[in-house]
Amino acid sequence: METENLQPNQEFTQKVKQATEFIGRSMVEDSLHLKDNQKILVIYEPLGKPLADEIKNYCRDFKNPAKINLFKRNLEDEVAIACQDSDEGLEKYFARLKDLNDEADAVFLIRADKNPEIFNKIPKKRQELFESLSHQTNKRRIEGTVPWCLIYWPTPYEAKKEKLKYEDYFQEFIESCKQPWEKIAKAQEKLVKILDQGKILEFKVDEENRDPKKRTNLKMNIEGMSFLGTTIEANYPGSEVYSAPVLDSAEGQVYLTGEYLYEGKMFKNIYLLFNQGKVVGYSADKGEPFLKEIFERTEANRYLGEIAFGTNPGLEKKYFSALLNEKVGGSFHFALGHCYDNVQNQDGNLVKVNNGNTQDKTSLHWDLSSLMHQKYGGGQVILDGKVIQENGRFLDSDLGILNLKTFVV
């Protein structure tokens, strides 16, 4: 869908302007709590320029204005550079971006790809170099040594995937950004306490499906690990509660309906079989050869580096956007590949989310989500034999704010 085919009316144009101002200021004040006289890096793609400008202009109004670097990314240009035979252009491009990242006190990332599938044009051998250089460039962000906030600005491409008019998709996105974050954070604290006391975590989805392969029954050990709740600190919109399973503990199978995009490649209806923490079987209606390629890169890609709950009550359905999809209330997601480093929570206590599948073993971190609402077959979250969430609804009344509006306790 071409953006020029979308001729928004004046009312919608004003709505976008107001949303851009609101989100830009919220990312500065509420997500990263920026102060005067900091070095700020804003990495944006062309469709996200209005938001980048809003962040820049707002920071310039500080009493002691921050130093602001705007770096314009363009996936089409990156792909063109990556397809060249010489490594020099790609290395030079990422070296410049790495220098900006290394000197920054805070980083904003505004993703807004016109067509992320274009990445698929990069030859396999070049993709590996691209991913390696990109990983090195973002090392501080991945390690958590620099504050950062990532947003996927809604695009016509995503609206087309949702079979929605862009105006309607944009409205759904904005609704997910305007949530009672303080109340959500408080409920997440209670959920974290519940999970931290548990040992065995189990997910069951669509158990009545006639095809046994399309059912999810995944069990894992979380003893010794600990969870962390986030709202809009790192992703905008939030929110989620995450940790990682004990590395060799995942058992069972997962079936993920719908389309998923990774490295410009499209996957559809993914089946994964786990034994002793490792993916030992897999299939997909679309993209199975690429799954094979990912799992053959390194053994670490077959293990989980994250397990998490989506807790945004303003997101009520499955989305193509991976960032939105993993935040949907009543969903869980996991990441194939590397875990995060241990962090400190607001009380100064160490949160153990590092399960040993570290970044030096793999650069992969692929989030895959599953919804447990009744319209998707229903599901349960079971902790040490006790159901704590059913059909997307937490049963503890103290967690009611995390439920979809339909399910509020």
Protein backbone atom coordinates (compact mmCIF):
# COMPACT_ATOMS: atom_id res chain seq x y z
CA MET A 1 0.00 0.00 0.00
CA GLU A 2 1.56 3.28 -1.08
CA THR A 3 1.38 6.19 1.33
CA GLU A 4 0.42 8.57 -1.47
CA ASN A 5 -2.79 6.60 -1.95
CA LEU A 6 -3.76 7.58 1.56
CA GLN A 7 -5.20 11.07 1.54
CA PRO A 8 -6.13 11.63 5.18
CA ASN A 9 -8.73 14.24 5.93
CA GLN A 10 -7.97 17.32 7.98
CA GLU A 11 -9.48 15.83 11.12
CA PHE A 12 -7.25 12.77 10.93
CA THR A 13 -4.19 14.91 10.17
CA GLN A 14 -4.87 16.85 13.35
CA LYS A 15 -5.31 13.62 15.30
CA VAL A 16 -1.91 12.36 14.10
CA LYS A 17 -0.31 15.68 15.05
CA GLN A 18 -1.78 15.54 18.56
CA ALA A 19 -0.76 11.90 18.99
CA THR A 20 2.77 12.66 17.83
CA GLU A 21 3.10 15.47 20.36
CA PHE A 22 1.67 13.33 23.16
CA ILE A 23 3.84 10.29 22.45
CA GLY A 24 7.02 12.28 21.83
CA ARG A 25 6.73 14.10 25.16
CA SER A 26 5.74 10.93 26.98
CA MET A 27 8.77 9.05 25.63
CA VAL A 28 11.03 11.85 26.84
CA GLU A 29 9.41 12.42 30.25
CA ASP A 30 7.78 9.11 31.22
CA SER A 31 9.86 6.49 29.43
CA LEU A 32 13.42 7.77 29.81
CA HIS A 33 12.94 10.59 32.37
CA LEU A 34 15.45 12.72 30.48
CA LYS A 35 17.23 15.59 32.17
CA ASP A 36 18.97 18.71 30.97
CA ASN A 37 22.28 18.63 29.15
CA GLN A 38 22.30 15.00 28.01
CA LYS A 39 23.53 13.53 24.73
CA ILE A 40 20.51 12.09 22.98
CA LEU A 41 20.43 9.93 19.86
CA VAL A 42 17.22 9.59 17.85
CA ILE A 43 17.38 6.87 15.19
CA TYR A 44 14.40 7.09 12.89
CA GLU A 45 13.06 5.90 9.56
CA PRO A 46 11.44 8.33 7.09
CA LEU A 47 7.82 7.64 8.07
CA GLY A 48 8.79 8.32 11.68
CA LYS A 49 10.37 11.73 11.05
CA PRO A 50 7.50 13.76 12.61
CA LEU A 51 7.98 11.89 15.90
CA ALA A 52 11.76 12.32 15.72
CA ASP A 53 11.28 16.06 15.19
CA GLU A 54 8.87 16.24 18.12
CA ILE A 55 11.39 14.56 20.45
CA LYS A 56 14.15 16.87 19.21
CA ASN A 57 12.09 20.03 19.62
CA TYR A 58 10.84 19.05 23.04
CA CYS A 59 14.35 18.34 24.32
CA ARG A 60 15.51 21.70 22.99
CA ASP A 61 13.08 23.37 25.37
CA PHE A 62 15.05 22.10 28.38
CA LYS A 63 16.61 24.74 30.60
CA ASN A 64 20.01 23.45 29.48
CA PRO A 65 19.26 21.98 26.03
CA ALA A 66 20.49 18.49 25.36
CA LYS A 67 22.85 17.65 22.54
CA ILE A 68 20.70 15.83 20.01
CA ASN A 69 21.84 13.66 17.12
CA LEU A 70 19.24 12.59 14.54
CA PHE A 71 20.23 9.57 12.48
CA LYS A 72 17.99 8.81 9.52
CA ARG A 73 17.78 5.12 8.75
CA ASN A 74 16.32 3.85 5.52
CA LEU A 75 15.96 0.10 5.16
CA GLU A 76 16.03 0.33 1.38
CA ASP A 77 19.43 2.07 1.53
CA GLU A 78 20.76 -0.42 4.08
CA VAL A 79 19.68 -3.32 1.88
CA ALA A 80 21.35 -1.74 -1.14
CA ILE A 81 24.62 -1.36 0.79
CA ALA A 82 24.39 -4.89 2.18
CA CYS A 83 23.91 -6.37 -1.31
CA GLN A 84 27.22 -4.95 -2.52
CA ASP A 85 30.14 -7.35 -2.82
CA SER A 86 32.43 -5.18 -0.69
CA ASP A 87 32.16 -5.22 3.11
CA GLU A 88 33.61 -1.72 3.37
CA GLY A 89 30.38 0.20 2.78
CA LEU A 90 28.43 -1.82 5.32
CA GLU A 91 31.19 -1.62 7.92
CA LYS A 92 31.51 2.14 7.42
CA TYR A 93 27.76 2.64 7.75
CA PHE A 94 27.49 0.71 11.01
CA ALA A 95 30.73 2.22 12.38
CA ARG A 96 29.14 5.68 12.15
CA LEU A 97 25.99 4.44 13.87
CA LYS A 98 28.03 2.68 16.56
CA ASP A 99 29.97 5.86 17.32
CA LEU A 100 26.70 7.73 17.85
CA ASN A 101 25.34 4.95 20.06
CA ASP A 102 28.51 4.80 22.15
CA GLU A 103 28.50 8.51 22.99
CA ALA A 104 24.76 8.74 23.73
CA ASP A 105 23.28 9.12 27.22
CA ALA A 106 19.90 7.97 25.89
CA VAL A 107 18.66 6.42 22.64
CA PHE A 108 15.28 6.60 20.91
CA LEU A 109 14.54 4.16 18.09
CA ILE A 110 11.64 4.88 15.75
CA ARG A 111 10.98 1.96 13.41
CA ALA A 112 8.63 2.68 10.52
CA ASP A 113 9.60 0.48 7.60
CA LYS A 114 7.67 1.01 4.37
CA ASN A 115 8.19 -2.65 3.55
CA PRO A 116 10.29 -4.72 6.00
CA GLU A 117 10.13 -7.71 3.66
CA ILE A 118 12.72 -5.98 1.47
CA PHE A 119 15.38 -7.27 3.87
CA ASN A 120 14.82 -10.67 2.27
CA LYS A 121 16.67 -9.41 -0.81
CA ILE A 122 20.01 -9.50 1.02
CA PRO A 123 21.99 -12.64 0.07
CA LYS A 124 22.41 -15.14 2.88
CA LYS A 125 26.14 -14.59 3.38
CA ARG A 126 25.60 -10.84 3.51
CA GLN A 127 22.74 -11.17 5.99
CA GLU A 128 25.07 -12.80 8.50
CA LEU A 129 27.47 -9.84 8.29
CA PHE A 130 24.58 -7.38 8.47
CA GLU A 131 23.21 -9.04 11.62
CA SER A 132 26.65 -9.23 13.23
CA LEU A 133 27.42 -5.56 12.63
CA SER A 134 23.94 -4.52 13.73
CA HIS A 135 24.35 -6.53 16.94
CA GLN A 136 27.70 -4.88 17.69
CA THR A 137 26.22 -1.46 17.01
CA ASN A 138 23.40 -2.02 19.50
CA LYS A 139 25.49 -3.77 22.14
CA ARG A 140 25.06 -1.08 24.81
CA ARG A 141 21.31 -1.10 24.33
CA ILE A 142 21.10 -4.90 24.44
CA GLU A 143 23.26 -5.02 27.56
CA GLY A 144 21.19 -2.32 29.22
CA THR A 145 24.10 0.07 29.78
CA VAL A 146 22.29 2.96 28.08
CA PRO A 147 18.64 3.98 28.56
CA TRP A 148 16.62 3.42 25.40
CA CYS A 149 13.06 3.38 24.13
CA LEU A 150 11.82 1.66 20.97
CA ILE A 151 8.59 2.42 19.12
CA TYR A 152 7.18 0.90 15.95
CA TRP A 153 5.29 3.84 14.47
CA PRO A 154 2.14 2.58 12.68
CA THR A 155 2.62 2.26 8.93
CA PRO A 156 0.40 1.63 5.88
CA TYR A 157 2.19 -1.72 5.45
CA GLU A 158 1.04 -2.87 8.88
CA ALA A 159 -2.48 -1.53 8.33
CA LYS A 160 -2.70 -3.57 5.14
CA LYS A 161 -1.60 -6.67 7.05
CA GLU A 162 -4.43 -6.04 9.53
CA LYS A 163 -6.89 -5.49 6.66
CA LEU A 164 -7.72 -2.09 8.15
CA LYS A 165 -7.81 1.45 6.86
CA TYR A 166 -4.72 3.27 8.03
CA GLU A 167 -6.85 5.67 10.07
CA ASP A 168 -8.47 2.77 11.95
CA TYR A 169 -5.16 1.02 12.57
CA PHE A 170 -3.62 4.27 13.81
CA GLN A 171 -6.53 4.71 16.23
CA GLU A 172 -6.01 1.22 17.68
CA PHE A 173 -2.34 1.99 18.14
CA ILE A 174 -3.06 5.26 19.95
CA GLU A 175 -5.55 3.55 22.28
CA SER A 176 -2.82 1.10 23.31
CA CYS A 177 -0.56 4.06 24.18
CA LYS A 178 -3.09 5.73 26.47
CA GLN A 179 -3.24 3.25 29.33
CA PRO A 180 -3.14 3.73 33.14
CA TRP A 181 0.55 2.88 33.35
CA GLU A 182 0.92 3.53 37.09
CA LYS A 183 -1.96 1.18 37.94
CA ILE A 184 -0.63 -1.41 35.51
CA ALA A 185 2.84 -1.17 37.08
CA LYS A 186 1.37 -1.74 40.55
CA ALA A 187 -0.52 -4.84 39.39
CA GLN A 188 2.61 -6.10 37.66
CA GLU A 189 4.47 -5.89 40.97
CA LYS A 190 1.92 -8.33 42.42
CA LEU A 191 2.25 -10.64 39.40
CA VAL A 192 6.04 -10.59 39.74
CA LYS A 193 5.77 -11.67 43.40
CA ILE A 194 3.48 -14.53 42.42
CA LEU A 195 5.77 -15.74 39.64
CA ASP A 196 8.97 -15.36 41.69
CA GLN A 197 7.58 -17.80 44.23
CA GLY A 198 6.84 -20.42 41.57
CA LYS A 199 8.84 -23.31 40.19
CA ILE A 200 6.98 -24.84 37.25
CA LEU A 201 5.23 -22.65 34.69
CA GLU A 202 2.93 -24.15 32.08
CA PHE A 203 0.98 -22.76 29.13
CA LYS A 204 -1.93 -24.53 27.47
CA VAL A 205 -3.63 -23.09 24.39
CA ASP A 206 -6.40 -24.37 22.11
CA GLU A 207 -6.45 -27.77 23.80
CA GLU A 208 -9.67 -28.84 22.06
CA ASN A 209 -8.30 -28.37 18.55
CA ARG A 210 -9.06 -31.43 16.42
CA ASP A 211 -5.49 -31.45 15.18
CA PRO A 212 -3.18 -32.40 18.10
CA LYS A 213 -0.31 -30.61 16.37
CA LYS A 214 -2.19 -27.30 16.64
CA ARG A 215 -2.43 -27.44 20.43
CA THR A 216 0.08 -25.73 22.72
CA ASN A 217 1.28 -27.40 25.89
CA LEU A 218 4.57 -25.94 27.04
CA LYS A 219 6.07 -26.51 30.48
CA MET A 220 9.27 -25.03 31.94
CA ASN A 221 11.21 -24.58 35.17
CA ILE A 222 11.53 -21.00 36.46
CA GLU A 223 12.99 -21.82 39.88
CA GLY A 224 15.92 -19.51 40.65
CA MET A 225 14.92 -17.06 37.93
CA SER A 226 13.03 -13.84 38.68
CA PHE A 227 10.62 -11.63 36.77
CA LEU A 228 10.54 -7.95 35.92
CA GLY A 229 7.56 -5.79 34.97
CA THR A 230 7.90 -2.97 32.46
CA THR A 231 5.39 -0.53 31.04
CA ILE A 232 6.80 2.13 28.70
CA GLU A 233 10.40 2.23 29.90
CA ALA A 234 11.86 0.41 26.88
CA ASN A 235 9.00 -0.24 24.45
CA TYR A 236 6.26 2.20 23.49
CA PRO A 237 3.55 1.18 23.97
CA GLY A 238 4.16 -1.38 26.78
CA SER A 239 3.66 -3.52 28.71
CA GLU A 240 4.92 -6.94 29.83
CA VAL A 241 6.30 -9.04 32.67
CA TYR A 242 9.33 -11.10 31.61
CA SER A 243 12.12 -13.42 32.68
CA ALA A 244 13.73 -16.54 31.20
CA PRO A 245 13.24 -20.25 31.85
CA VAL A 246 15.96 -22.50 33.21
CA LEU A 247 17.90 -23.20 30.03
CA ASP A 248 17.34 -26.94 29.63
CA SER A 249 13.82 -27.07 31.05
CA ALA A 250 11.31 -26.30 28.26
CA GLU A 251 9.24 -29.36 27.37
CA GLY A 252 6.30 -29.82 25.05
CA GLN A 253 5.04 -28.11 21.93
CA VAL A 254 3.88 -24.72 20.70
CA TYR A 255 1.68 -23.89 17.73
CA LEU A 256 1.70 -20.26 16.58
CA THR A 257 -1.08 -19.29 14.20
CA GLY A 258 -0.84 -16.50 11.68
CA GLU A 259 2.03 -14.67 10.04
CA TYR A 260 5.36 -13.75 11.63
CA LEU A 261 8.18 -11.74 10.08
CA TYR A 262 11.86 -12.07 10.86
CA GLU A 263 14.85 -10.83 8.85
CA GLY A 264 12.49 -9.90 6.04
CA LYS A 265 11.21 -13.46 5.73
CA MET A 266 7.59 -14.40 6.23
CA PHE A 267 6.55 -17.36 8.35
CA LYS A 268 3.06 -18.75 8.80
CA ASN A 269 1.63 -21.23 11.32
CA ILE A 270 4.81 -22.25 13.13
CA TYR A 271 5.07 -25.52 15.08
CA LEU A 272 7.91 -26.06 17.58
CA LEU A 273 8.67 -29.17 19.64
CA PHE A 274 10.87 -28.82 22.76
CA ASN A 275 12.84 -31.44 24.65
CA GLN A 276 15.20 -30.58 27.51
CA GLY A 277 14.94 -26.91 26.60
CA LYS A 278 15.86 -27.40 22.96
CA VAL A 279 13.84 -27.20 19.74
CA VAL A 280 14.04 -30.75 18.39
CA GLY A 281 11.25 -30.54 15.83
CA TYR A 282 9.67 -27.78 13.77
CA SER A 283 7.50 -27.02 10.77
CA ALA A 284 5.71 -24.08 9.18
CA ASP A 285 3.12 -23.70 6.45
CA LYS A 286 5.31 -20.93 5.07
CA GLY A 287 8.99 -20.21 5.70
CA GLU A 288 10.06 -23.66 6.90
CA PRO A 289 13.38 -23.54 4.97
CA PHE A 290 14.21 -20.30 6.77
CA LEU A 291 13.40 -21.91 10.13
CA LYS A 292 15.88 -24.63 9.27
CA GLU A 293 18.47 -22.01 8.37
CA ILE A 294 18.00 -20.19 11.70
CA PHE A 295 18.32 -23.37 13.75
CA GLU A 296 21.40 -24.52 11.86
CA ARG A 297 23.34 -21.30 12.51
CA THR A 298 24.11 -22.16 16.10
CA GLU A 299 22.80 -24.50 18.78
CA ALA A 300 21.90 -21.51 20.97
CA ASN A 301 19.15 -20.53 18.52
CA ARG A 302 17.22 -23.65 19.54
CA TYR A 303 16.90 -22.53 23.18
CA LEU A 304 14.70 -19.94 24.86
CA GLY A 305 16.14 -16.69 26.15
CA GLU A 306 12.90 -15.14 27.39
CA ILE A 307 9.43 -16.01 28.65
CA ALA A 308 6.91 -13.22 29.18
CA PHE A 309 3.31 -12.13 29.67
CA GLY A 310 1.65 -9.38 27.63
CA THR A 311 -0.20 -7.02 29.98
CA ASN A 312 -1.54 -4.15 27.87
CA PRO A 313 -5.35 -4.16 28.29
CA GLY A 314 -5.71 -1.78 25.36
CA LEU A 315 -4.54 -4.46 22.90
CA GLU A 316 -7.27 -7.04 22.49
CA LYS A 317 -6.42 -9.07 19.40
CA LYS A 318 -3.60 -10.65 17.49
CA TYR A 319 -1.43 -8.21 15.51
CA PHE A 320 1.10 -8.66 12.75
CA SER A 321 3.42 -6.14 14.42
CA ALA A 322 5.66 -8.21 16.69
CA LEU A 323 6.02 -5.37 19.19
CA LEU A 324 2.27 -4.90 19.55
CA ASN A 325 1.54 -8.62 19.49
CA GLU A 326 3.82 -9.41 22.42
CA LYS A 327 2.10 -6.76 24.57
CA VAL A 328 -1.49 -7.96 24.05
CA GLY A 329 -3.31 -8.56 27.32
CA GLY A 330 -3.99 -12.26 27.79
CA SER A 331 -0.99 -13.40 25.75
CA PHE A 332 2.39 -14.95 26.43
CA HIS A 333 5.51 -14.80 24.34
CA PHE A 334 8.94 -16.33 24.30
CA ALA A 335 12.16 -15.50 22.51
CA LEU A 336 14.30 -17.97 20.66
CA GLY A 337 17.94 -17.06 21.13
CA HIS A 338 19.77 -14.91 23.61
CA CYS A 339 18.52 -13.88 27.02
CA TYR A 340 18.89 -10.47 28.65
CA ASP A 341 21.50 -9.58 31.24
CA ASN A 342 20.52 -9.49 34.91
CA VAL A 343 19.24 -6.08 35.99
CA GLN A 344 18.33 -4.26 39.18
CA ASN A 345 14.72 -3.44 39.94
CA GLN A 346 13.53 -0.17 41.46
CA ASP A 347 14.28 -1.49 44.95
CA GLY A 348 17.88 -2.18 43.99
CA ASN A 349 17.42 -5.96 44.05
CA LEU A 350 19.01 -8.12 41.36
CA VAL A 351 16.52 -9.56 38.87
CA LYS A 352 17.85 -12.80 37.39
CA VAL A 353 16.80 -13.00 33.75
CA ASN A 354 20.09 -14.42 32.44
CA ASN A 355 19.69 -18.17 31.93
CA GLY A 356 23.05 -18.69 30.26
CA ASN A 357 21.95 -18.40 26.63
CA THR A 358 23.94 -15.21 26.33
CA GLN A 359 24.65 -12.80 23.49
CA ASP A 360 28.13 -14.19 22.91
CA LYS A 361 26.45 -17.46 21.89
CA THR A 362 23.89 -15.96 19.52
CA SER A 363 22.71 -12.61 18.17
CA LEU A 364 19.21 -14.03 17.65
CA HIS A 365 16.36 -12.77 19.83
CA TRP A 366 13.12 -13.60 18.05
CA ASP A 367 9.92 -12.91 19.97
CA LEU A 368 6.97 -15.16 19.15
CA SER A 369 3.56 -14.62 20.75
CA SER A 370 0.49 -16.72 21.48
CA LEU A 371 -2.92 -15.37 22.51
CA MET A 372 -5.07 -17.28 24.98
CA HIS A 373 -8.43 -15.54 24.47
CA GLN A 374 -11.46 -17.71 23.79
CA LYS A 375 -11.68 -16.52 20.19
CA TYR A 376 -8.23 -18.04 19.64
CA GLY A 377 -9.13 -21.36 21.23
CA GLY A 378 -8.74 -20.33 24.87
CA GLY A 379 -5.93 -21.24 27.21
CA GLN A 380 -4.53 -21.48 30.69
CA VAL A 381 -1.44 -20.35 32.56
CA ILE A 382 -0.62 -22.82 35.33
CA LEU A 383 1.90 -22.15 38.09
CA ASP A 384 2.89 -25.11 40.26
CA GLY A 385 -0.35 -26.87 39.36
CA LYS A 386 -2.62 -23.86 40.01
CA VAL A 387 -4.39 -21.98 37.23
CA ILE A 388 -3.52 -18.27 37.52
CA GLN A 389 -4.90 -17.13 34.16
CA GLU A 390 -7.73 -18.59 32.09
CA ASN A 391 -8.80 -17.59 28.59
CA GLY A 392 -6.67 -14.46 28.86
CA ARG A 393 -8.02 -13.37 32.25
CA PHE A 394 -5.93 -13.30 35.44
CA LEU A 395 -8.00 -14.82 38.24
CA ASP A 396 -6.48 -12.78 41.09
CA SER A 397 -8.63 -9.65 41.55
CA ASP A 398 -5.49 -7.59 42.32
CA LEU A 399 -4.43 -8.21 38.71
CA GLY A 400 -7.74 -7.12 37.20
CA ILE A 401 -6.31 -3.96 35.58
CA LEU A 402 -4.12 -6.21 33.41
CA ASN A 403 -7.16 -7.94 31.91
CA LEU A 404 -8.90 -6.82 28.76
CA LYS A 405 -11.78 -4.45 29.31
CA THR A 406 -14.14 -7.37 28.70
CA PHE A 407 -12.56 -9.25 31.59
CA VAL A 408 -11.95 -6.59 34.23
CA VAL A 409 -12.53 -8.16 37.67
